[in-house]
Amino acid sequence: MFIADILHHTAHLTFGRNTAQFKQLVAMLALVSVILWSIVLLTTVARILLCHVWYRRQYASSRTNMPPI
């Protein structure tokens, strides 16, 4: 019984710690992934707004088909 307790305690120290570190690693990678995807989505929205709204409005206001006076 003593040997089984020693094995259980050793396995818990070894595998329990590694499992906890693995879970922390997965959680950290998930957080990094969410942050990077949010940056990608924000830059995509900014690109759409700048290219399709801002530049079109600037181009349309500066270019007219009226002859010069």
PDB file of N, CA and C in Angstrom:
ATOM      1  N   MET A   1       0.820  -1.187   0.000  1.00  0.00           N
ATOM      2  CA  MET A   1       0.000   0.000   0.000  1.00  0.00           C
ATOM      3  C   MET A   1       0.870   1.260   0.000  1.00  0.00           C
ATOM      4  N   PHE A   2       1.973   1.190   0.673  1.00  0.00           N
ATOM      5  CA  PHE A   2       2.877   2.327   0.745  1.00  0.00           C
ATOM      6  C   PHE A   2       3.451   2.656  -0.629  1.00  0.00           C
ATOM      7  N   ILE A   3       3.808   1.605  -1.401  1.00  0.00           N
ATOM      8  CA  ILE A   3       4.363   1.813  -2.743  1.00  0.00           C
ATOM      9  C   ILE A   3       3.305   2.428  -3.658  1.00  0.00           C
ATOM     10  N   ALA A   4       2.061   1.993  -3.527  1.00  0.00           N
ATOM     11  CA  ALA A   4       0.982   2.555  -4.353  1.00  0.00           C
ATOM     12  C   ALA A   4       0.773   4.024  -4.042  1.00  0.00           C
ATOM     13  N   ASP A   5       0.871   4.387  -2.767  1.00  0.00           N
ATOM     14  CA  ASP A   5       0.735   5.801  -2.398  1.00  0.00           C
ATOM     15  C   ASP A   5       1.883   6.637  -2.966  1.00  0.00           C
ATOM     16  N   ILE A   6       3.078   6.075  -2.915  1.00  0.00           N
ATOM     17  CA  ILE A   6       4.229   6.789  -3.465  1.00  0.00           C
ATOM     18  C   ILE A   6       4.066   6.981  -4.976  1.00  0.00           C
ATOM     19  N   LEU A   7       3.645   5.922  -5.663  1.00  0.00           N
ATOM     20  CA  LEU A   7       3.431   6.027  -7.107  1.00  0.00           C
ATOM     21  C   LEU A   7       2.324   7.032  -7.436  1.00  0.00           C
ATOM     22  N   HIS A   8       1.246   6.995  -6.651  1.00  0.00           N
ATOM     23  CA  HIS A   8       0.143   7.925  -6.889  1.00  0.00           C
ATOM     24  C   HIS A   8       0.604   9.363  -6.653  1.00  0.00           C
ATOM     25  N   HIS A   9       1.339   9.591  -5.591  1.00  0.00           N
ATOM     26  CA  HIS A   9       1.829  10.938  -5.271  1.00  0.00           C
ATOM     27  C   HIS A   9       2.804  11.434  -6.350  1.00  0.00           C
ATOM     28  N   THR A  10       3.724  10.553  -6.782  1.00  0.00           N
ATOM     29  CA  THR A  10       4.690  10.928  -7.817  1.00  0.00           C
ATOM     30  C   THR A  10       3.984  11.213  -9.144  1.00  0.00           C
ATOM     31  N   ALA A  11       3.037  10.374  -9.506  1.00  0.00           N
ATOM     32  CA  ALA A  11       2.299  10.582 -10.759  1.00  0.00           C
ATOM     33  C   ALA A  11       1.493  11.875 -10.700  1.00  0.00           C
ATOM     34  N   HIS A  12       0.910  12.148  -9.536  1.00  0.00           N
ATOM     35  CA  HIS A  12       0.128  13.376  -9.405  1.00  0.00           C
ATOM     36  C   HIS A  12       1.027  14.606  -9.519  1.00  0.00           C
ATOM     37  N   LEU A  13       2.196  14.563  -8.917  1.00  0.00           N
ATOM     38  CA  LEU A  13       3.124  15.691  -9.023  1.00  0.00           C
ATOM     39  C   LEU A  13       3.602  15.891 -10.453  1.00  0.00           C
ATOM     40  N   THR A  14       3.936  14.780 -11.109  1.00  0.00           N
ATOM     41  CA  THR A  14       4.481  14.876 -12.462  1.00  0.00           C
ATOM     42  C   THR A  14       3.404  15.217 -13.474  1.00  0.00           C
ATOM     43  N   PHE A  15       2.382  14.377 -13.565  1.00  0.00           N
ATOM     44  CA  PHE A  15       1.379  14.562 -14.610  1.00  0.00           C
ATOM     45  C   PHE A  15       0.404  15.682 -14.274  1.00  0.00           C
ATOM     46  N   GLY A  16       0.137  15.910 -13.022  1.00  0.00           N
ATOM     47  CA  GLY A  16      -0.758  16.994 -12.639  1.00  0.00           C
ATOM     48  C   GLY A  16      -0.165  18.341 -12.995  1.00  0.00           C
ATOM     49  N   ARG A  17       1.112  18.505 -12.751  1.00  0.00           N
ATOM     50  CA  ARG A  17       1.765  19.774 -13.054  1.00  0.00           C
ATOM     51  C   ARG A  17       1.838  19.985 -14.559  1.00  0.00           C
ATOM     52  N   ASN A  18       2.184  18.939 -15.296  1.00  0.00           N
ATOM     53  CA  ASN A  18       2.267  19.065 -16.755  1.00  0.00           C
ATOM     54  C   ASN A  18       0.912  19.353 -17.363  1.00  0.00           C
ATOM     55  N   THR A  19      -0.117  18.732 -16.821  1.00  0.00           N
ATOM     56  CA  THR A  19      -1.465  18.991 -17.328  1.00  0.00           C
ATOM     57  C   THR A  19      -1.862  20.438 -17.061  1.00  0.00           C
ATOM     58  N   ALA A  20      -1.532  20.923 -15.871  1.00  0.00           N
ATOM     59  CA  ALA A  20      -1.862  22.311 -15.559  1.00  0.00           C
ATOM     60  C   ALA A  20      -1.089  23.262 -16.467  1.00  0.00           C
ATOM     61  N   GLN A  21       0.173  22.972 -16.723  1.00  0.00           N
ATOM     62  CA  GLN A  21       0.956  23.820 -17.613  1.00  0.00           C
ATOM     63  C   GLN A  21       0.416  23.756 -19.034  1.00  0.00           C
ATOM     64  N   PHE A  22      -0.009  22.568 -19.468  1.00  0.00           N
ATOM     65  CA  PHE A  22      -0.574  22.429 -20.809  1.00  0.00           C
ATOM     66  C   PHE A  22      -1.869  23.224 -20.926  1.00  0.00           C
ATOM     67  N   LYS A  23      -2.709  23.166 -19.898  1.00  0.00           N
ATOM     68  CA  LYS A  23      -3.957  23.927 -19.933  1.00  0.00           C
ATOM     69  C   LYS A  23      -3.684  25.425 -19.957  1.00  0.00           C
ATOM     70  N   GLN A  24      -2.673  25.866 -19.212  1.00  0.00           N
ATOM     71  CA  GLN A  24      -2.309  27.279 -19.244  1.00  0.00           C
ATOM     72  C   GLN A  24      -1.768  27.673 -20.612  1.00  0.00           C
ATOM     73  N   LEU A  25      -1.001  26.778 -21.229  1.00  0.00           N
ATOM     74  CA  LEU A  25      -0.478  27.055 -22.566  1.00  0.00           C
ATOM     75  C   LEU A  25      -1.606  27.166 -23.581  1.00  0.00           C
ATOM     76  N   VAL A  26      -2.565  26.251 -23.520  1.00  0.00           N
ATOM     77  CA  VAL A  26      -3.701  26.293 -24.437  1.00  0.00           C
ATOM     78  C   VAL A  26      -4.519  27.563 -24.215  1.00  0.00           C
ATOM     79  N   ALA A  27      -4.715  27.940 -22.961  1.00  0.00           N
ATOM     80  CA  ALA A  27      -5.464  29.163 -22.667  1.00  0.00           C
ATOM     81  C   ALA A  27      -4.722  30.392 -23.191  1.00  0.00           C
ATOM     82  N   MET A  28      -3.411  30.428 -23.033  1.00  0.00           N
ATOM     83  CA  MET A  28      -2.640  31.559 -23.525  1.00  0.00           C
ATOM     84  C   MET A  28      -2.686  31.625 -25.052  1.00  0.00           C
ATOM     85  N   LEU A  29      -2.554  30.483 -25.711  1.00  0.00           N
ATOM     86  CA  LEU A  29      -2.614  30.468 -27.175  1.00  0.00           C
ATOM     87  C   LEU A  29      -3.991  30.869 -27.682  1.00  0.00           C
ATOM     88  N   ALA A  30      -5.029  30.462 -26.968  1.00  0.00           N
ATOM     89  CA  ALA A  30      -6.381  30.876 -27.348  1.00  0.00           C
ATOM     90  C   ALA A  30      -6.537  32.383 -27.205  1.00  0.00           C
ATOM     91  N   LEU A  31      -5.988  32.954 -26.142  1.00  0.00           N
ATOM     92  CA  LEU A  31      -6.059  34.398 -25.947  1.00  0.00           C
ATOM     93  C   LEU A  31      -5.284  35.139 -27.034  1.00  0.00           C
ATOM     94  N   VAL A  32      -4.100  34.660 -27.371  1.00  0.00           N
ATOM     95  CA  VAL A  32      -3.315  35.280 -28.440  1.00  0.00           C
ATOM     96  C   VAL A  32      -4.065  35.189 -29.765  1.00  0.00           C
ATOM     97  N   SER A  33      -4.702  34.055 -30.011  1.00  0.00           N
ATOM     98  CA  SER A  33      -5.460  33.881 -31.245  1.00  0.00           C
ATOM     99  C   SER A  33      -6.633  34.851 -31.322  1.00  0.00           C
ATOM    100  N   VAL A  34      -7.342  35.016 -30.229  1.00  0.00           N
ATOM    101  CA  VAL A  34      -8.476  35.945 -30.217  1.00  0.00           C
ATOM    102  C   VAL A  34      -7.995  37.376 -30.441  1.00  0.00           C
ATOM    103  N   ILE A  35      -6.888  37.748 -29.819  1.00  0.00           N
ATOM    104  CA  ILE A  35      -6.357  39.100 -29.998  1.00  0.00           C
ATOM    105  C   ILE A  35      -5.940  39.326 -31.445  1.00  0.00           C
ATOM    106  N   LEU A  36      -5.238  38.356 -32.038  1.00  0.00           N
ATOM    107  CA  LEU A  36      -4.796  38.519 -33.424  1.00  0.00           C
ATOM    108  C   LEU A  36      -5.976  38.577 -34.390  1.00  0.00           C
ATOM    109  N   TRP A  37      -7.000  37.739 -34.181  1.00  0.00           N
ATOM    110  CA  TRP A  37      -8.157  37.774 -35.060  1.00  0.00           C
ATOM    111  C   TRP A  37      -8.923  39.083 -34.915  1.00  0.00           C
ATOM    112  N   SER A  38      -8.968  39.635 -33.701  1.00  0.00           N
ATOM    113  CA  SER A  38      -9.646  40.928 -33.547  1.00  0.00           C
ATOM    114  C   SER A  38      -8.883  42.028 -34.273  1.00  0.00           C
ATOM    115  N   ILE A  39      -7.550  41.966 -34.263  1.00  0.00           N
ATOM    116  CA  ILE A  39      -6.759  42.947 -35.015  1.00  0.00           C
ATOM    117  C   ILE A  39      -7.016  42.796 -36.512  1.00  0.00           C
ATOM    118  N   VAL A  40      -7.079  41.563 -36.989  1.00  0.00           N
ATOM    119  CA  VAL A  40      -7.358  41.327 -38.417  1.00  0.00           C
ATOM    120  C   VAL A  40      -8.728  41.874 -38.789  1.00  0.00           C
ATOM    121  N   LEU A  41      -9.730  41.620 -37.960  1.00  0.00           N
ATOM    122  CA  LEU A  41     -11.077  42.112 -38.268  1.00  0.00           C
ATOM    123  C   LEU A  41     -11.145  43.635 -38.225  1.00  0.00           C
ATOM    124  N   LEU A  42     -10.483  44.254 -37.257  1.00  0.00           N
ATOM    125  CA  LEU A  42     -10.485  45.711 -37.181  1.00  0.00           C
ATOM    126  C   LEU A  42      -9.794  46.346 -38.387  1.00  0.00           C
ATOM    127  N   THR A  43      -8.667  45.777 -38.802  1.00  0.00           N
ATOM    128  CA  THR A  43      -7.984  46.344 -39.965  1.00  0.00           C
ATOM    129  C   THR A  43      -8.772  46.101 -41.242  1.00  0.00           C
ATOM    130  N   THR A  44      -9.492  45.003 -41.326  1.00  0.00           N
ATOM    131  CA  THR A  44     -10.335  44.748 -42.497  1.00  0.00           C
ATOM    132  C   THR A  44     -11.470  45.761 -42.568  1.00  0.00           C
ATOM    133  N   VAL A  45     -12.102  46.033 -41.443  1.00  0.00           N
ATOM    134  CA  VAL A  45     -13.183  47.022 -41.416  1.00  0.00           C
ATOM    135  C   VAL A  45     -12.633  48.406 -41.754  1.00  0.00           C
ATOM    136  N   ALA A  46     -11.471  48.745 -41.214  1.00  0.00           N
ATOM    137  CA  ALA A  46     -10.864  50.044 -41.519  1.00  0.00           C
ATOM    138  C   ALA A  46     -10.532  50.148 -43.003  1.00  0.00           C
ATOM    139  N   ARG A  47     -10.036  49.077 -43.577  1.00  0.00           N
ATOM    140  CA  ARG A  47      -9.712  49.097 -45.012  1.00  0.00           C
ATOM    141  C   ARG A  47     -10.971  49.274 -45.856  1.00  0.00           C
ATOM    142  N   ILE A  48     -12.023  48.582 -45.501  1.00  0.00           N
ATOM    143  CA  ILE A  48     -13.273  48.711 -46.249  1.00  0.00           C
ATOM    144  C   ILE A  48     -13.801  50.141 -46.149  1.00  0.00           C
ATOM    145  N   LEU A  49     -13.783  50.687 -44.926  1.00  0.00           N
ATOM    146  CA  LEU A  49     -14.285  52.052 -44.762  1.00  0.00           C
ATOM    147  C   LEU A  49     -13.435  53.055 -45.526  1.00  0.00           C
ATOM    148  N   LEU A  50     -12.122  52.929 -45.434  1.00  0.00           N
ATOM    149  CA  LEU A  50     -11.259  53.888 -46.117  1.00  0.00           C
ATOM    150  C   LEU A  50     -11.341  53.772 -47.627  1.00  0.00           C
ATOM    151  N   CYS A  51     -11.324  52.566 -48.136  1.00  0.00           N
ATOM    152  CA  CYS A  51     -11.300  52.387 -49.587  1.00  0.00           C
ATOM    153  C   CYS A  51     -12.647  52.663 -50.228  1.00  0.00           C
ATOM    154  N   HIS A  52     -13.716  52.243 -49.610  1.00  0.00           N
ATOM    155  CA  HIS A  52     -15.007  52.318 -50.263  1.00  0.00           C
ATOM    156  C   HIS A  52     -15.841  53.526 -49.863  1.00  0.00           C
ATOM    157  N   VAL A  53     -15.552  54.123 -48.756  1.00  0.00           N
ATOM    158  CA  VAL A  53     -16.354  55.266 -48.330  1.00  0.00           C
ATOM    159  C   VAL A  53     -15.535  56.552 -48.406  1.00  0.00           C
ATOM    160  N   TRP A  54     -14.427  56.608 -47.730  1.00  0.00           N
ATOM    161  CA  TRP A  54     -13.644  57.841 -47.626  1.00  0.00           C
ATOM    162  C   TRP A  54     -13.045  58.255 -48.970  1.00  0.00           C
ATOM    163  N   TYR A  55     -12.346  57.337 -49.638  1.00  0.00           N
ATOM    164  CA  TYR A  55     -11.697  57.694 -50.898  1.00  0.00           C
ATOM    165  C   TYR A  55     -12.705  57.978 -52.002  1.00  0.00           C
ATOM    166  N   ARG A  56     -13.799  57.260 -52.033  1.00  0.00           N
ATOM    167  CA  ARG A  56     -14.818  57.521 -53.030  1.00  0.00           C
ATOM    168  C   ARG A  56     -15.429  58.894 -52.831  1.00  0.00           C
ATOM    169  N   ARG A  57     -15.656  59.265 -51.591  1.00  0.00           N
ATOM    170  CA  ARG A  57     -16.240  60.569 -51.302  1.00  0.00           C
ATOM    171  C   ARG A  57     -15.262  61.690 -51.677  1.00  0.00           C
ATOM    172  N   GLN A  58     -13.984  61.491 -51.382  1.00  0.00           N
ATOM    173  CA  GLN A  58     -12.992  62.503 -51.749  1.00  0.00           C
ATOM    174  C   GLN A  58     -12.864  62.612 -53.268  1.00  0.00           C
ATOM    175  N   TYR A  59     -12.867  61.506 -53.956  1.00  0.00           N
ATOM    176  CA  TYR A  59     -12.724  61.521 -55.403  1.00  0.00           C
ATOM    177  C   TYR A  59     -13.951  62.163 -56.053  1.00  0.00           C
ATOM    178  N   ALA A  60     -15.133  61.841 -55.568  1.00  0.00           N
ATOM    179  CA  ALA A  60     -16.359  62.363 -56.144  1.00  0.00           C
ATOM    180  C   ALA A  60     -16.481  63.876 -55.909  1.00  0.00           C
ATOM    181  N   SER A  61     -15.998  64.379 -54.795  1.00  0.00           N
ATOM    182  CA  SER A  61     -16.146  65.809 -54.536  1.00  0.00           C
ATOM    183  C   SER A  61     -15.118  66.630 -55.305  1.00  0.00           C
ATOM    184  N   SER A  62     -13.975  66.077 -55.597  1.00  0.00           N
ATOM    185  CA  SER A  62     -12.947  66.847 -56.306  1.00  0.00           C
ATOM    186  C   SER A  62     -13.113  66.755 -57.817  1.00  0.00           C
ATOM    187  N   ARG A  63     -13.736  65.728 -58.311  1.00  0.00           N
ATOM    188  CA  ARG A  63     -13.926  65.564 -59.756  1.00  0.00           C
ATOM    189  C   ARG A  63     -15.370  65.887 -60.132  1.00  0.00           C
ATOM    190  N   THR A  64     -15.533  66.891 -60.922  1.00  0.00           N
ATOM    191  CA  THR A  64     -16.864  67.213 -61.436  1.00  0.00           C
ATOM    192  C   THR A  64     -16.803  67.252 -62.954  1.00  0.00           C
ATOM    193  N   ASN A  65     -17.904  67.074 -63.562  1.00  0.00           N
ATOM    194  CA  ASN A  65     -17.983  67.115 -65.017  1.00  0.00           C
ATOM    195  C   ASN A  65     -18.323  68.502 -65.553  1.00  0.00           C
ATOM    196  N   MET A  66     -18.294  69.472 -64.668  1.00  0.00           N
ATOM    197  CA  MET A  66     -18.595  70.832 -65.071  1.00  0.00           C
ATOM    198  C   MET A  66     -17.372  71.442 -65.759  1.00  0.00           C
ATOM    199  N   PRO A  67     -17.588  72.218 -66.820  1.00  0.00           N
ATOM    200  CA  PRO A  67     -16.444  72.874 -67.476  1.00  0.00           C
ATOM    201  C   PRO A  67     -15.881  73.990 -66.599  1.00  0.00           C
ATOM    202  N   PRO A  68     -14.604  74.289 -66.757  1.00  0.00           N
ATOM    203  CA  PRO A  68     -14.037  75.357 -65.949  1.00  0.00           C
ATOM    204  C   PRO A  68     -14.603  76.715 -66.320  1.00  0.00           C
ATOM    205  N   ILE A  69     -14.668  77.595 -65.371  1.00  0.00           N
ATOM    206  CA  ILE A  69     -15.273  78.927 -65.608  1.00  0.00           C
ATOM    207  C   ILE A  69     -14.185  79.903 -66.004  1.00  0.00           C
TER     208      ILE A  69
END
